[in-house]
């Protein structure tokens, strides 16, 4: 379900950006709707109202999907508290019942005679 909401959210984001870029700016220089001339695809006052309403609707849907994603993400978590968590019980080492007898070390090997020094 969250995947569907994420896809809708991304589509709304792309549509919102494109609709905002279509609008004419205050200076009229950056809008894609055309310059000062009255000829063109999107001109006139009704177009400005259409783009403004479309932007408002897309923004409202974008916020709704954002809230829906937050709710879906929070639903998967269970509330927890630090106070409710108990510390793990520490294990007490148990004393061995029988003491092992230490093994006697092996006697060192008898020294061999001196060897001749190695020369290169």
C-alpha atoms as a PDB file:
ATOM      1  CA  UNK A   1       0.000   0.000   0.000  1.00  0.00           C
ATOM      2  CA  UNK A   2       2.803   2.380   0.818  1.00  0.00           C
ATOM      3  CA  UNK A   3       4.320   1.764  -2.622  1.00  0.00           C
ATOM      4  CA  UNK A   4       1.127   2.955  -4.315  1.00  0.00           C
ATOM      5  CA  UNK A   5       1.052   6.082  -2.159  1.00  0.00           C
ATOM      6  CA  UNK A   6       4.725   6.796  -2.916  1.00  0.00           C
ATOM      7  CA  UNK A   7       4.103   6.492  -6.672  1.00  0.00           C
ATOM      8  CA  UNK A   8       1.102   8.844  -6.460  1.00  0.00           C
ATOM      9  CA  UNK A   9       3.167  11.205  -4.308  1.00  0.00           C
ATOM     10  CA  UNK A  10       5.959  11.327  -6.895  1.00  0.00           C
ATOM     11  CA  UNK A  11       3.509  11.886  -9.759  1.00  0.00           C
ATOM     12  CA  UNK A  12       1.919  14.733  -7.837  1.00  0.00           C
ATOM     13  CA  UNK A  13       5.331  16.263  -7.178  1.00  0.00           C
ATOM     14  CA  UNK A  14       6.250  16.199 -10.869  1.00  0.00           C
ATOM     15  CA  UNK A  15       2.856  17.627 -11.865  1.00  0.00           C
ATOM     16  CA  UNK A  16       3.115  20.343  -9.222  1.00  0.00           C
ATOM     17  CA  UNK A  17       6.549  21.408 -10.419  1.00  0.00           C
ATOM     18  CA  UNK A  18       5.435  21.503 -14.048  1.00  0.00           C
ATOM     19  CA  UNK A  19       2.286  23.525 -13.266  1.00  0.00           C
ATOM     20  CA  UNK A  20       4.289  26.006 -11.215  1.00  0.00           C
ATOM     21  CA  UNK A  21       6.780  26.426 -14.044  1.00  0.00           C
ATOM     22  CA  UNK A  22       3.936  27.089 -16.500  1.00  0.00           C
ATOM     23  CA  UNK A  23       2.712  30.068 -14.505  1.00  0.00           C
ATOM     24  CA  UNK A  24       3.767  33.555 -15.412  1.00  0.00           C
ATOM     25  CA  UNK A  25       6.073  35.163 -12.891  1.00  0.00           C
ATOM     26  CA  UNK A  26       5.630  38.668 -11.506  1.00  0.00           C
ATOM     27  CA  UNK A  27       8.088  40.072 -14.043  1.00  0.00           C
ATOM     28  CA  UNK A  28       6.689  37.939 -16.850  1.00  0.00           C
ATOM     29  CA  UNK A  29      10.134  36.783 -17.916  1.00  0.00           C
ATOM     30  CA  UNK A  30      10.252  33.235 -16.570  1.00  0.00           C
ATOM     31  CA  UNK A  31       6.770  31.928 -17.324  1.00  0.00           C
ATOM     32  CA  UNK A  32       6.401  29.274 -20.004  1.00  0.00           C
ATOM     33  CA  UNK A  33       2.959  30.647 -20.935  1.00  0.00           C
ATOM     34  CA  UNK A  34       4.391  33.226 -23.283  1.00  0.00           C
ATOM     35  CA  UNK A  35       5.681  36.757 -23.108  1.00  0.00           C
ATOM     36  CA  UNK A  36       3.612  39.890 -23.506  1.00  0.00           C
ATOM     37  CA  UNK A  37       1.763  38.890 -26.682  1.00  0.00           C
ATOM     38  CA  UNK A  38      -1.843  37.688 -26.674  1.00  0.00           C
ATOM     39  CA  UNK A  39      -1.226  34.840 -29.077  1.00  0.00           C
ATOM     40  CA  UNK A  40      -0.261  31.462 -27.754  1.00  0.00           C
ATOM     41  CA  UNK A  41      -1.545  28.324 -26.148  1.00  0.00           C
ATOM     42  CA  UNK A  42      -2.184  29.566 -22.613  1.00  0.00           C
ATOM     43  CA  UNK A  43      -3.002  33.228 -22.504  1.00  0.00           C
ATOM     44  CA  UNK A  44      -5.449  35.466 -20.751  1.00  0.00           C
ATOM     45  CA  UNK A  45      -6.848  35.830 -17.294  1.00  0.00           C
ATOM     46  CA  UNK A  46      -8.782  32.558 -17.267  1.00  0.00           C
ATOM     47  CA  UNK A  47      -5.572  30.647 -17.795  1.00  0.00           C
ATOM     48  CA  UNK A  48      -4.045  32.264 -14.714  1.00  0.00           C
ATOM     49  CA  UNK A  49      -7.094  31.250 -12.699  1.00  0.00           C
ATOM     50  CA  UNK A  50      -6.904  27.696 -14.074  1.00  0.00           C
ATOM     51  CA  UNK A  51      -3.220  27.352 -13.232  1.00  0.00           C
ATOM     52  CA  UNK A  52      -3.741  28.835  -9.767  1.00  0.00           C
ATOM     53  CA  UNK A  53      -6.584  26.422  -9.009  1.00  0.00           C
ATOM     54  CA  UNK A  54      -4.636  23.485 -10.426  1.00  0.00           C
ATOM     55  CA  UNK A  55      -1.656  24.412  -8.255  1.00  0.00           C
ATOM     56  CA  UNK A  56      -3.861  24.611  -5.167  1.00  0.00           C
ATOM     57  CA  UNK A  57      -5.494  21.242  -5.874  1.00  0.00           C
ATOM     58  CA  UNK A  58      -2.166  19.536  -6.577  1.00  0.00           C
ATOM     59  CA  UNK A  59      -0.635  21.061  -3.432  1.00  0.00           C
ATOM     60  CA  UNK A  60      -3.560  19.836  -1.312  1.00  0.00           C
ATOM     61  CA  UNK A  61      -3.226  16.327  -2.774  1.00  0.00           C
ATOM     62  CA  UNK A  62       0.543  16.433  -2.200  1.00  0.00           C
ATOM     63  CA  UNK A  63       0.016  17.302   1.479  1.00  0.00           C
ATOM     64  CA  UNK A  64      -2.611  14.574   1.787  1.00  0.00           C
ATOM     65  CA  UNK A  65      -0.264  11.932   0.403  1.00  0.00           C
ATOM     66  CA  UNK A  66       2.500  13.203   2.701  1.00  0.00           C
ATOM     67  CA  UNK A  67       0.245  12.754   5.718  1.00  0.00           C
ATOM     68  CA  UNK A  68      -0.886   9.350   4.458  1.00  0.00           C
ATOM     69  CA  UNK A  69       2.737   8.221   4.121  1.00  0.00           C
ATOM     70  CA  UNK A  70       3.463   9.386   7.674  1.00  0.00           C
ATOM     71  CA  UNK A  71       0.449   7.493   9.016  1.00  0.00           C
ATOM     72  CA  UNK A  72       1.370   4.313   7.141  1.00  0.00           C
ATOM     73  CA  UNK A  73       4.958   4.512   8.416  1.00  0.00           C
ATOM     74  CA  UNK A  74       3.815   5.089  12.013  1.00  0.00           C
ATOM     75  CA  UNK A  75       1.336   2.209  11.902  1.00  0.00           C
ATOM     76  CA  UNK A  76       4.148  -0.316  11.481  1.00  0.00           C
ATOM     77  CA  UNK A  77       5.798   0.690  14.758  1.00  0.00           C
ATOM     78  CA  UNK A  78       4.633  -0.341  18.177  1.00  0.00           C
ATOM     79  CA  UNK A  79       4.840   2.329  20.869  1.00  0.00           C
ATOM     80  CA  UNK A  80       7.577   1.598  23.360  1.00  0.00           C
ATOM     81  CA  UNK A  81       8.985   3.214  26.449  1.00  0.00           C
ATOM     82  CA  UNK A  82      12.414   3.117  28.008  1.00  0.00           C
ATOM     83  CA  UNK A  83      10.807   2.589  31.403  1.00  0.00           C
ATOM     84  CA  UNK A  84       8.979  -0.526  30.216  1.00  0.00           C
ATOM     85  CA  UNK A  85      12.166  -2.142  29.016  1.00  0.00           C
ATOM     86  CA  UNK A  86      13.842  -4.360  31.593  1.00  0.00           C
ATOM     87  CA  UNK A  87      17.548  -4.880  31.842  1.00  0.00           C
ATOM     88  CA  UNK A  88      18.654  -8.368  30.850  1.00  0.00           C
ATOM     89  CA  UNK A  89      19.373 -10.571  33.844  1.00  0.00           C
ATOM     90  CA  UNK A  90      23.090 -10.963  34.346  1.00  0.00           C
ATOM     91  CA  UNK A  91      24.240 -14.508  34.686  1.00  0.00           C
ATOM     92  CA  UNK A  92      26.241 -15.389  37.776  1.00  0.00           C
ATOM     93  CA  UNK A  93      29.280 -17.540  37.040  1.00  0.00           C
ATOM     94  CA  UNK A  94      28.965 -20.988  38.535  1.00  0.00           C
ATOM     95  CA  UNK A  95      31.942 -22.287  40.490  1.00  0.00           C
ATOM     96  CA  UNK A  96      33.336 -25.541  39.112  1.00  0.00           C
ATOM     97  CA  UNK A  97      32.438 -28.589  41.179  1.00  0.00           C
ATOM     98  CA  UNK A  98      35.824 -30.234  40.812  1.00  0.00           C
ATOM     99  CA  UNK A  99      39.090 -28.431  40.576  1.00  0.00           C
ATOM    100  CA  UNK A 100      41.139 -29.581  37.636  1.00  0.00           C
ATOM    101  CA  UNK A 101      44.601 -30.856  38.419  1.00  0.00           C
ATOM    102  CA  UNK A 102      47.263 -28.803  36.716  1.00  0.00           C
ATOM    103  CA  UNK A 103      49.295 -30.835  34.267  1.00  0.00           C
ATOM    104  CA  UNK A 104      53.005 -31.073  34.974  1.00  0.00           C
ATOM    105  CA  UNK A 105      55.112 -29.336  32.359  1.00  0.00           C
ATOM    106  CA  UNK A 106      57.193 -31.603  30.178  1.00  0.00           C
ATOM    107  CA  UNK A 107      60.875 -31.753  30.969  1.00  0.00           C
ATOM    108  CA  UNK A 108      63.011 -29.677  28.616  1.00  0.00           C
ATOM    109  CA  UNK A 109      64.930 -31.561  25.982  1.00  0.00           C
ATOM    110  CA  UNK A 110      68.581 -32.223  26.682  1.00  0.00           C
ATOM    111  CA  UNK A 111      70.862 -29.692  25.055  1.00  0.00           C
ATOM    112  CA  UNK A 112      72.675 -30.876  22.001  1.00  0.00           C
ATOM    113  CA  UNK A 113      76.252 -30.103  21.248  1.00  0.00           C
ATOM    114  CA  UNK A 114      77.322 -26.752  19.836  1.00  0.00           C
ATOM    115  CA  UNK A 115      76.727 -26.327  16.159  1.00  0.00           C
ATOM    116  CA  UNK A 116      79.084 -24.651  13.761  1.00  0.00           C
ATOM    117  CA  UNK A 117      78.233 -21.033  12.912  1.00  0.00           C
ATOM    118  CA  UNK A 118      76.712 -20.469   9.510  1.00  0.00           C
ATOM    119  CA  UNK A 119      78.710 -18.251   7.213  1.00  0.00           C
ATOM    120  CA  UNK A 120      77.845 -16.796   3.906  1.00  0.00           C
END
